[in-house]
């Protein structure tokens, strides 16, 4: 199968080239900066943006949060099934 991403420059406008599960953590950043966050089970999500700002938002089931994220905090996060969309 041909790889349509092979000769394409990565872009933060997407599409993401991979998705990885997120384990919320109050200390450790994500292994790769997320260009967006996908949430399967709604609730609160507490995170640090790519620019270093702390944010907390409520999301519904199957939400896509199109913001650069470097950390998802355990404290204050009740949403489940969180995934980081990344450029690998």
PDB file of N, CA and C in Angstrom:
ATOM      1  N   UNK A   1       0.838  -1.166   0.000  1.00  0.00           N
ATOM      2  CA  UNK A   1       0.000   0.000   0.000  1.00  0.00           C
ATOM      3  C   UNK A   1       0.890   1.239   0.000  1.00  0.00           C
ATOM      4  N   UNK A   2       0.556   2.192  -0.811  1.00  0.00           N
ATOM      5  CA  UNK A   2       1.310   3.450  -0.859  1.00  0.00           C
ATOM      6  C   UNK A   2       1.036   4.269   0.397  1.00  0.00           C
ATOM      7  N   UNK A   3       2.050   4.984   0.856  1.00  0.00           N
ATOM      8  CA  UNK A   3       1.913   5.832   2.035  1.00  0.00           C
ATOM      9  C   UNK A   3       1.737   7.278   1.587  1.00  0.00           C
ATOM     10  N   UNK A   4       0.532   7.859   1.709  1.00  0.00           N
ATOM     11  CA  UNK A   4       0.302   9.225   1.248  1.00  0.00           C
ATOM     12  C   UNK A   4       1.016  10.274   2.107  1.00  0.00           C
ATOM     13  N   UNK A   5       1.528   9.897   3.262  1.00  0.00           N
ATOM     14  CA  UNK A   5       2.220  10.828   4.151  1.00  0.00           C
ATOM     15  C   UNK A   5       3.730  10.845   3.923  1.00  0.00           C
ATOM     16  N   UNK A   6       4.228   9.917   3.115  1.00  0.00           N
ATOM     17  CA  UNK A   6       5.667   9.719   2.965  1.00  0.00           C
ATOM     18  C   UNK A   6       6.418  10.988   2.560  1.00  0.00           C
ATOM     19  N   UNK A   7       5.939  11.724   1.611  1.00  0.00           N
ATOM     20  CA  UNK A   7       6.642  12.914   1.131  1.00  0.00           C
ATOM     21  C   UNK A   7       5.965  14.210   1.535  1.00  0.00           C
ATOM     22  N   UNK A   8       5.091  14.143   2.497  1.00  0.00           N
ATOM     23  CA  UNK A   8       4.336  15.307   2.937  1.00  0.00           C
ATOM     24  C   UNK A   8       4.992  15.929   4.159  1.00  0.00           C
ATOM     25  N   UNK A   9       5.104  17.250   4.137  1.00  0.00           N
ATOM     26  CA  UNK A   9       5.628  17.952   5.309  1.00  0.00           C
ATOM     27  C   UNK A   9       4.580  17.904   6.423  1.00  0.00           C
ATOM     28  N   UNK A  10       5.028  17.668   7.644  1.00  0.00           N
ATOM     29  CA  UNK A  10       4.106  17.654   8.777  1.00  0.00           C
ATOM     30  C   UNK A  10       3.574  19.052   9.026  1.00  0.00           C
ATOM     31  N   UNK A  11       2.303  19.147   9.381  1.00  0.00           N
ATOM     32  CA  UNK A  11       1.675  20.439   9.611  1.00  0.00           C
ATOM     33  C   UNK A  11       0.793  20.380  10.846  1.00  0.00           C
ATOM     34  N   UNK A  12       0.847  21.419  11.670  1.00  0.00           N
ATOM     35  CA  UNK A  12      -0.001  21.433  12.854  1.00  0.00           C
ATOM     36  C   UNK A  12      -1.467  21.598  12.502  1.00  0.00           C
ATOM     37  N   UNK A  13      -1.765  21.931  11.251  1.00  0.00           N
ATOM     38  CA  UNK A  13      -3.166  22.020  10.839  1.00  0.00           C
ATOM     39  C   UNK A  13      -3.712  20.641  10.486  1.00  0.00           C
ATOM     40  N   UNK A  14      -2.856  19.631  10.565  1.00  0.00           N
ATOM     41  CA  UNK A  14      -3.301  18.255  10.399  1.00  0.00           C
ATOM     42  C   UNK A  14      -3.077  17.738   9.002  1.00  0.00           C
ATOM     43  N   UNK A  15      -3.402  16.508   8.818  1.00  0.00           N
ATOM     44  CA  UNK A  15      -3.926  15.607   9.838  1.00  0.00           C
ATOM     45  C   UNK A  15      -2.812  15.100  10.758  1.00  0.00           C
ATOM     46  N   UNK A  16      -3.223  14.614  11.927  1.00  0.00           N
ATOM     47  CA  UNK A  16      -2.266  13.991  12.829  1.00  0.00           C
ATOM     48  C   UNK A  16      -1.740  12.731  12.154  1.00  0.00           C
ATOM     49  N   UNK A  17      -0.539  12.352  12.476  1.00  0.00           N
ATOM     50  CA  UNK A  17       0.024  11.134  11.896  1.00  0.00           C
ATOM     51  C   UNK A  17      -0.055   9.949  12.846  1.00  0.00           C
ATOM     52  N   UNK A  18      -0.453  10.212  14.097  1.00  0.00           N
ATOM     53  CA  UNK A  18      -0.618   9.126  15.053  1.00  0.00           C
ATOM     54  C   UNK A  18      -1.519   9.597  16.185  1.00  0.00           C
ATOM     55  N   UNK A  19      -2.006   8.636  16.944  1.00  0.00           N
ATOM     56  CA  UNK A  19      -2.832   8.913  18.119  1.00  0.00           C
ATOM     57  C   UNK A  19      -2.337   7.990  19.225  1.00  0.00           C
ATOM     58  N   UNK A  20      -2.206   8.533  20.440  1.00  0.00           N
ATOM     59  CA  UNK A  20      -1.712   7.703  21.532  1.00  0.00           C
ATOM     60  C   UNK A  20      -2.536   7.951  22.787  1.00  0.00           C
ATOM     61  N   UNK A  21      -2.757   6.882  23.562  1.00  0.00           N
ATOM     62  CA  UNK A  21      -3.527   7.036  24.793  1.00  0.00           C
ATOM     63  C   UNK A  21      -2.785   7.923  25.784  1.00  0.00           C
ATOM     64  N   UNK A  22      -3.548   8.666  26.566  1.00  0.00           N
ATOM     65  CA  UNK A  22      -2.988   9.575  27.564  1.00  0.00           C
ATOM     66  C   UNK A  22      -3.331   9.065  28.957  1.00  0.00           C
ATOM     67  N   UNK A  23      -2.323   8.977  29.804  1.00  0.00           N
ATOM     68  CA  UNK A  23      -2.524   8.711  31.228  1.00  0.00           C
ATOM     69  C   UNK A  23      -2.299  10.042  31.932  1.00  0.00           C
ATOM     70  N   UNK A  24      -3.375  10.643  32.465  1.00  0.00           N
ATOM     71  CA  UNK A  24      -3.199  11.940  33.136  1.00  0.00           C
ATOM     72  C   UNK A  24      -2.154  11.863  34.248  1.00  0.00           C
ATOM     73  N   UNK A  25      -1.336  12.911  34.344  1.00  0.00           N
ATOM     74  CA  UNK A  25      -0.231  12.950  35.292  1.00  0.00           C
ATOM     75  C   UNK A  25       0.007  14.409  35.682  1.00  0.00           C
ATOM     76  N   UNK A  26       0.135  14.665  36.967  1.00  0.00           N
ATOM     77  CA  UNK A  26       0.335  16.038  37.440  1.00  0.00           C
ATOM     78  C   UNK A  26       1.765  16.534  37.290  1.00  0.00           C
ATOM     79  N   UNK A  27       2.704  15.660  36.935  1.00  0.00           N
ATOM     80  CA  UNK A  27       4.116  16.038  36.870  1.00  0.00           C
ATOM     81  C   UNK A  27       4.697  15.890  35.467  1.00  0.00           C
ATOM     82  N   UNK A  28       4.423  14.777  34.828  1.00  0.00           N
ATOM     83  CA  UNK A  28       5.069  14.461  33.549  1.00  0.00           C
ATOM     84  C   UNK A  28       4.294  15.011  32.355  1.00  0.00           C
ATOM     85  N   UNK A  29       5.028  15.614  31.422  1.00  0.00           N
ATOM     86  CA  UNK A  29       4.441  16.053  30.152  1.00  0.00           C
ATOM     87  C   UNK A  29       4.186  14.839  29.275  1.00  0.00           C
ATOM     88  N   UNK A  30       3.361  15.009  28.250  1.00  0.00           N
ATOM     89  CA  UNK A  30       3.148  13.967  27.255  1.00  0.00           C
ATOM     90  C   UNK A  30       4.476  13.674  26.559  1.00  0.00           C
ATOM     91  N   UNK A  31       4.642  12.483  26.048  1.00  0.00           N
ATOM     92  CA  UNK A  31       5.891  12.136  25.368  1.00  0.00           C
ATOM     93  C   UNK A  31       6.064  12.935  24.087  1.00  0.00           C
ATOM     94  N   UNK A  32       4.965  13.335  23.464  1.00  0.00           N
ATOM     95  CA  UNK A  32       4.984  14.201  22.285  1.00  0.00           C
ATOM     96  C   UNK A  32       3.891  15.254  22.445  1.00  0.00           C
ATOM     97  N   UNK A  33       4.160  16.475  22.012  1.00  0.00           N
ATOM     98  CA  UNK A  33       3.170  17.542  22.071  1.00  0.00           C
ATOM     99  C   UNK A  33       1.964  17.158  21.219  1.00  0.00           C
ATOM    100  N   UNK A  34       0.772  17.264  21.779  1.00  0.00           N
ATOM    101  CA  UNK A  34      -0.445  16.941  21.042  1.00  0.00           C
ATOM    102  C   UNK A  34      -0.911  18.161  20.251  1.00  0.00           C
ATOM    103  N   UNK A  35      -1.388  17.924  19.029  1.00  0.00           N
ATOM    104  CA  UNK A  35      -1.986  19.018  18.257  1.00  0.00           C
ATOM    105  C   UNK A  35      -3.481  19.110  18.555  1.00  0.00           C
ATOM    106  N   UNK A  36      -4.007  18.068  19.206  1.00  0.00           N
ATOM    107  CA  UNK A  36      -5.405  18.037  19.640  1.00  0.00           C
ATOM    108  C   UNK A  36      -5.561  16.883  20.617  1.00  0.00           C
ATOM    109  N   UNK A  37      -6.670  16.912  21.351  1.00  0.00           N
ATOM    110  CA  UNK A  37      -6.994  15.855  22.301  1.00  0.00           C
ATOM    111  C   UNK A  37      -8.365  15.300  21.923  1.00  0.00           C
ATOM    112  N   UNK A  38      -8.472  13.976  21.928  1.00  0.00           N
ATOM    113  CA  UNK A  38      -9.745  13.300  21.682  1.00  0.00           C
ATOM    114  C   UNK A  38     -10.167  12.639  22.988  1.00  0.00           C
ATOM    115  N   UNK A  39     -11.438  12.810  23.364  1.00  0.00           N
ATOM    116  CA  UNK A  39     -11.950  12.282  24.624  1.00  0.00           C
ATOM    117  C   UNK A  39     -13.148  11.386  24.346  1.00  0.00           C
ATOM    118  N   UNK A  40     -13.092  10.142  24.819  1.00  0.00           N
ATOM    119  CA  UNK A  40     -14.202   9.209  24.621  1.00  0.00           C
ATOM    120  C   UNK A  40     -15.316   9.415  25.641  1.00  0.00           C
ATOM    121  N   UNK A  41     -14.947   9.582  26.918  1.00  0.00           N
ATOM    122  CA  UNK A  41     -15.945   9.744  27.983  1.00  0.00           C
ATOM    123  C   UNK A  41     -15.903  11.150  28.538  1.00  0.00           C
ATOM    124  N   UNK A  42     -17.003  11.866  28.435  1.00  0.00           N
ATOM    125  CA  UNK A  42     -17.054  13.268  28.833  1.00  0.00           C
ATOM    126  C   UNK A  42     -16.766  13.504  30.305  1.00  0.00           C
ATOM    127  N   UNK A  43     -16.445  14.740  30.609  1.00  0.00           N
ATOM    128  CA  UNK A  43     -16.136  15.165  31.967  1.00  0.00           C
ATOM    129  C   UNK A  43     -15.215  16.362  31.911  1.00  0.00           C
ATOM    130  N   UNK A  44     -14.540  16.607  33.008  1.00  0.00           N
ATOM    131  CA  UNK A  44     -13.584  17.711  33.058  1.00  0.00           C
ATOM    132  C   UNK A  44     -12.227  17.223  32.569  1.00  0.00           C
ATOM    133  N   UNK A  45     -11.515  18.125  31.910  1.00  0.00           N
ATOM    134  CA  UNK A  45     -10.138  17.825  31.530  1.00  0.00           C
ATOM    135  C   UNK A  45      -9.282  19.020  31.901  1.00  0.00           C
ATOM    136  N   UNK A  46      -8.274  18.775  32.713  1.00  0.00           N
ATOM    137  CA  UNK A  46      -7.349  19.795  33.184  1.00  0.00           C
ATOM    138  C   UNK A  46      -6.032  19.575  32.458  1.00  0.00           C
ATOM    139  N   UNK A  47      -5.508  20.630  31.833  1.00  0.00           N
ATOM    140  CA  UNK A  47      -4.323  20.445  31.000  1.00  0.00           C
ATOM    141  C   UNK A  47      -3.473  21.698  30.944  1.00  0.00           C
ATOM    142  N   UNK A  48      -2.272  21.526  30.420  1.00  0.00           N
ATOM    143  CA  UNK A  48      -1.354  22.633  30.160  1.00  0.00           C
ATOM    144  C   UNK A  48      -1.232  22.768  28.653  1.00  0.00           C
ATOM    145  N   UNK A  49      -1.462  23.969  28.146  1.00  0.00           N
ATOM    146  CA  UNK A  49      -1.412  24.207  26.712  1.00  0.00           C
ATOM    147  C   UNK A  49       0.032  24.247  26.220  1.00  0.00           C
ATOM    148  N   UNK A  50       0.170  24.220  24.910  1.00  0.00           N
ATOM    149  CA  UNK A  50       1.492  24.308  24.292  1.00  0.00           C
ATOM    150  C   UNK A  50       2.203  25.594  24.697  1.00  0.00           C
ATOM    151  N   UNK A  51       1.438  26.657  25.001  1.00  0.00           N
ATOM    152  CA  UNK A  51       2.048  27.926  25.406  1.00  0.00           C
ATOM    153  C   UNK A  51       2.269  28.024  26.912  1.00  0.00           C
ATOM    154  N   UNK A  52       1.969  26.925  27.655  1.00  0.00           N
ATOM    155  CA  UNK A  52       2.256  26.886  29.084  1.00  0.00           C
ATOM    156  C   UNK A  52       1.135  27.362  29.992  1.00  0.00           C
ATOM    157  N   UNK A  53      -0.046  27.586  29.446  1.00  0.00           N
ATOM    158  CA  UNK A  53      -1.174  28.050  30.250  1.00  0.00           C
ATOM    159  C   UNK A  53      -1.940  26.868  30.836  1.00  0.00           C
ATOM    160  N   UNK A  54      -2.381  26.989  32.073  1.00  0.00           N
ATOM    161  CA  UNK A  54      -3.208  25.958  32.708  1.00  0.00           C
ATOM    162  C   UNK A  54      -4.662  26.215  32.363  1.00  0.00           C
ATOM    163  N   UNK A  55      -5.353  25.188  31.922  1.00  0.00           N
ATOM    164  CA  UNK A  55      -6.752  25.302  31.527  1.00  0.00           C
ATOM    165  C   UNK A  55      -7.526  24.110  32.053  1.00  0.00           C
ATOM    166  N   UNK A  56      -8.823  24.315  32.243  1.00  0.00           N
ATOM    167  CA  UNK A  56      -9.729  23.236  32.609  1.00  0.00           C
ATOM    168  C   UNK A  56     -11.043  23.485  31.887  1.00  0.00           C
ATOM    169  N   UNK A  57     -11.510  22.475  31.168  1.00  0.00           N
ATOM    170  CA  UNK A  57     -12.759  22.605  30.418  1.00  0.00           C
ATOM    171  C   UNK A  57     -13.599  21.355  30.607  1.00  0.00           C
ATOM    172  N   UNK A  58     -14.886  21.512  30.408  1.00  0.00           N
ATOM    173  CA  UNK A  58     -15.821  20.400  30.410  1.00  0.00           C
ATOM    174  C   UNK A  58     -16.043  19.965  28.965  1.00  0.00           C
ATOM    175  N   UNK A  59     -15.988  18.658  28.720  1.00  0.00           N
ATOM    176  CA  UNK A  59     -16.219  18.138  27.378  1.00  0.00           C
ATOM    177  C   UNK A  59     -17.269  17.041  27.435  1.00  0.00           C
ATOM    178  N   UNK A  60     -17.934  16.829  26.319  1.00  0.00           N
ATOM    179  CA  UNK A  60     -18.929  15.763  26.225  1.00  0.00           C
ATOM    180  C   UNK A  60     -18.274  14.497  25.683  1.00  0.00           C
ATOM    181  N   UNK A  61     -19.023  13.410  25.669  1.00  0.00           N
ATOM    182  CA  UNK A  61     -18.528  12.165  25.085  1.00  0.00           C
ATOM    183  C   UNK A  61     -18.091  12.408  23.643  1.00  0.00           C
ATOM    184  N   UNK A  62     -17.019  11.783  23.244  1.00  0.00           N
ATOM    185  CA  UNK A  62     -16.488  11.804  21.875  1.00  0.00           C
ATOM    186  C   UNK A  62     -16.156  13.217  21.401  1.00  0.00           C
ATOM    187  N   UNK A  63     -15.503  13.962  22.276  1.00  0.00           N
ATOM    188  CA  UNK A  63     -15.115  15.343  21.959  1.00  0.00           C
ATOM    189  C   UNK A  63     -13.718  15.405  21.370  1.00  0.00           C
ATOM    190  N   UNK A  64     -13.532  16.378  20.508  1.00  0.00           N
ATOM    191  CA  UNK A  64     -12.219  16.695  19.962  1.00  0.00           C
ATOM    192  C   UNK A  64     -11.891  18.111  20.404  1.00  0.00           C
ATOM    193  N   UNK A  65     -10.800  18.251  21.125  1.00  0.00           N
ATOM    194  CA  UNK A  65     -10.368  19.542  21.644  1.00  0.00           C
ATOM    195  C   UNK A  65      -9.171  20.005  20.813  1.00  0.00           C
ATOM    196  N   UNK A  66      -9.383  20.922  19.853  1.00  0.00           N
ATOM    197  CA  UNK A  66      -8.317  21.309  18.922  1.00  0.00           C
ATOM    198  C   UNK A  66      -7.385  22.372  19.483  1.00  0.00           C
ATOM    199  N   UNK A  67      -6.583  21.959  20.460  1.00  0.00           N
ATOM    200  CA  UNK A  67      -5.628  22.883  21.081  1.00  0.00           C
ATOM    201  C   UNK A  67      -4.336  22.116  21.353  1.00  0.00           C
ATOM    202  N   UNK A  68      -3.203  22.785  21.199  1.00  0.00           N
ATOM    203  CA  UNK A  68      -1.927  22.160  21.515  1.00  0.00           C
ATOM    204  C   UNK A  68      -1.834  21.878  23.002  1.00  0.00           C
ATOM    205  N   UNK A  69      -1.497  20.659  23.361  1.00  0.00           N
ATOM    206  CA  UNK A  69      -1.456  20.247  24.769  1.00  0.00           C
ATOM    207  C   UNK A  69      -0.126  19.558  25.051  1.00  0.00           C
ATOM    208  N   UNK A  70       0.524  19.983  26.152  1.00  0.00           N
ATOM    209  CA  UNK A  70       1.761  19.295  26.531  1.00  0.00           C
ATOM    210  C   UNK A  70       1.608  18.444  27.783  1.00  0.00           C
ATOM    211  N   UNK A  71       0.546  18.668  28.576  1.00  0.00           N
ATOM    212  CA  UNK A  71       0.309  17.826  29.754  1.00  0.00           C
ATOM    213  C   UNK A  71      -1.183  17.752  30.027  1.00  0.00           C
ATOM    214  N   UNK A  72      -1.641  16.558  30.407  1.00  0.00           N
ATOM    215  CA  UNK A  72      -2.999  16.381  30.912  1.00  0.00           C
ATOM    216  C   UNK A  72      -2.848  16.012  32.377  1.00  0.00           C
ATOM    217  N   UNK A  73      -3.399  16.840  33.242  1.00  0.00           N
ATOM    218  CA  UNK A  73      -3.249  16.653  34.682  1.00  0.00           C
ATOM    219  C   UNK A  73      -4.212  15.598  35.221  1.00  0.00           C
ATOM    220  N   UNK A  74      -3.741  14.829  36.197  1.00  0.00           N
ATOM    221  CA  UNK A  74      -4.606  13.870  36.882  1.00  0.00           C
ATOM    222  C   UNK A  74      -5.598  14.617  37.778  1.00  0.00           C
ATOM    223  N   UNK A  75      -5.092  15.606  38.508  1.00  0.00           N
ATOM    224  CA  UNK A  75      -5.948  16.390  39.389  1.00  0.00           C
ATOM    225  C   UNK A  75      -6.874  17.257  38.547  1.00  0.00           C
ATOM    226  N   UNK A  76      -8.157  17.106  38.749  1.00  0.00           N
ATOM    227  CA  UNK A  76      -9.137  17.903  38.020  1.00  0.00           C
ATOM    228  C   UNK A  76      -9.636  17.272  36.741  1.00  0.00           C
ATOM    229  N   UNK A  77      -9.069  16.131  36.355  1.00  0.00           N
ATOM    230  CA  UNK A  77      -9.521  15.451  35.137  1.00  0.00           C
ATOM    231  C   UNK A  77     -10.429  14.293  35.511  1.00  0.00           C
ATOM    232  N   UNK A  78     -11.665  14.352  35.010  1.00  0.00           N
ATOM    233  CA  UNK A  78     -12.622  13.256  35.213  1.00  0.00           C
ATOM    234  C   UNK A  78     -13.006  12.601  33.889  1.00  0.00           C
ATOM    235  N   UNK A  79     -12.652  13.223  32.778  1.00  0.00           N
ATOM    236  CA  UNK A  79     -12.915  12.635  31.465  1.00  0.00           C
ATOM    237  C   UNK A  79     -12.110  11.345  31.322  1.00  0.00           C
ATOM    238  N   UNK A  80     -12.609  10.431  30.508  1.00  0.00           N
ATOM    239  CA  UNK A  80     -11.939   9.145  30.322  1.00  0.00           C
ATOM    240  C   UNK A  80     -11.680   8.882  28.837  1.00  0.00           C
ATOM    241  N   UNK A  81     -10.827   7.917  28.588  1.00  0.00           N
ATOM    242  CA  UNK A  81     -10.521   7.557  27.212  1.00  0.00           C
ATOM    243  C   UNK A  81      -9.885   8.714  26.457  1.00  0.00           C
ATOM    244  N   UNK A  82      -8.875   9.313  27.064  1.00  0.00           N
ATOM    245  CA  UNK A  82      -8.215  10.490  26.478  1.00  0.00           C
ATOM    246  C   UNK A  82      -7.089  10.025  25.571  1.00  0.00           C
ATOM    247  N   UNK A  83      -7.021  10.634  24.391  1.00  0.00           N
ATOM    248  CA  UNK A  83      -5.983  10.313  23.413  1.00  0.00           C
ATOM    249  C   UNK A  83      -5.375  11.601  22.875  1.00  0.00           C
ATOM    250  N   UNK A  84      -4.070  11.567  22.646  1.00  0.00           N
ATOM    251  CA  UNK A  84      -3.364  12.705  22.060  1.00  0.00           C
ATOM    252  C   UNK A  84      -3.192  12.471  20.572  1.00  0.00           C
ATOM    253  N   UNK A  85      -3.567  13.446  19.754  1.00  0.00           N
ATOM    254  CA  UNK A  85      -3.304  13.406  18.326  1.00  0.00           C
ATOM    255  C   UNK A  85      -1.969  14.089  18.120  1.00  0.00           C
ATOM    256  N   UNK A  86      -1.029  13.377  17.518  1.00  0.00           N
ATOM    257  CA  UNK A  86       0.344  13.869  17.424  1.00  0.00           C
ATOM    258  C   UNK A  86       0.865  13.830  15.995  1.00  0.00           C
ATOM    259  N   UNK A  87       1.945  14.567  15.790  1.00  0.00           N
ATOM    260  CA  UNK A  87       2.701  14.508  14.551  1.00  0.00           C
ATOM    261  C   UNK A  87       3.960  13.721  14.846  1.00  0.00           C
ATOM    262  N   UNK A  88       4.070  12.548  14.295  1.00  0.00           N
ATOM    263  CA  UNK A  88       5.231  11.703  14.597  1.00  0.00           C
ATOM    264  C   UNK A  88       6.208  11.698  13.438  1.00  0.00           C
TER     265      UNK A  88
END
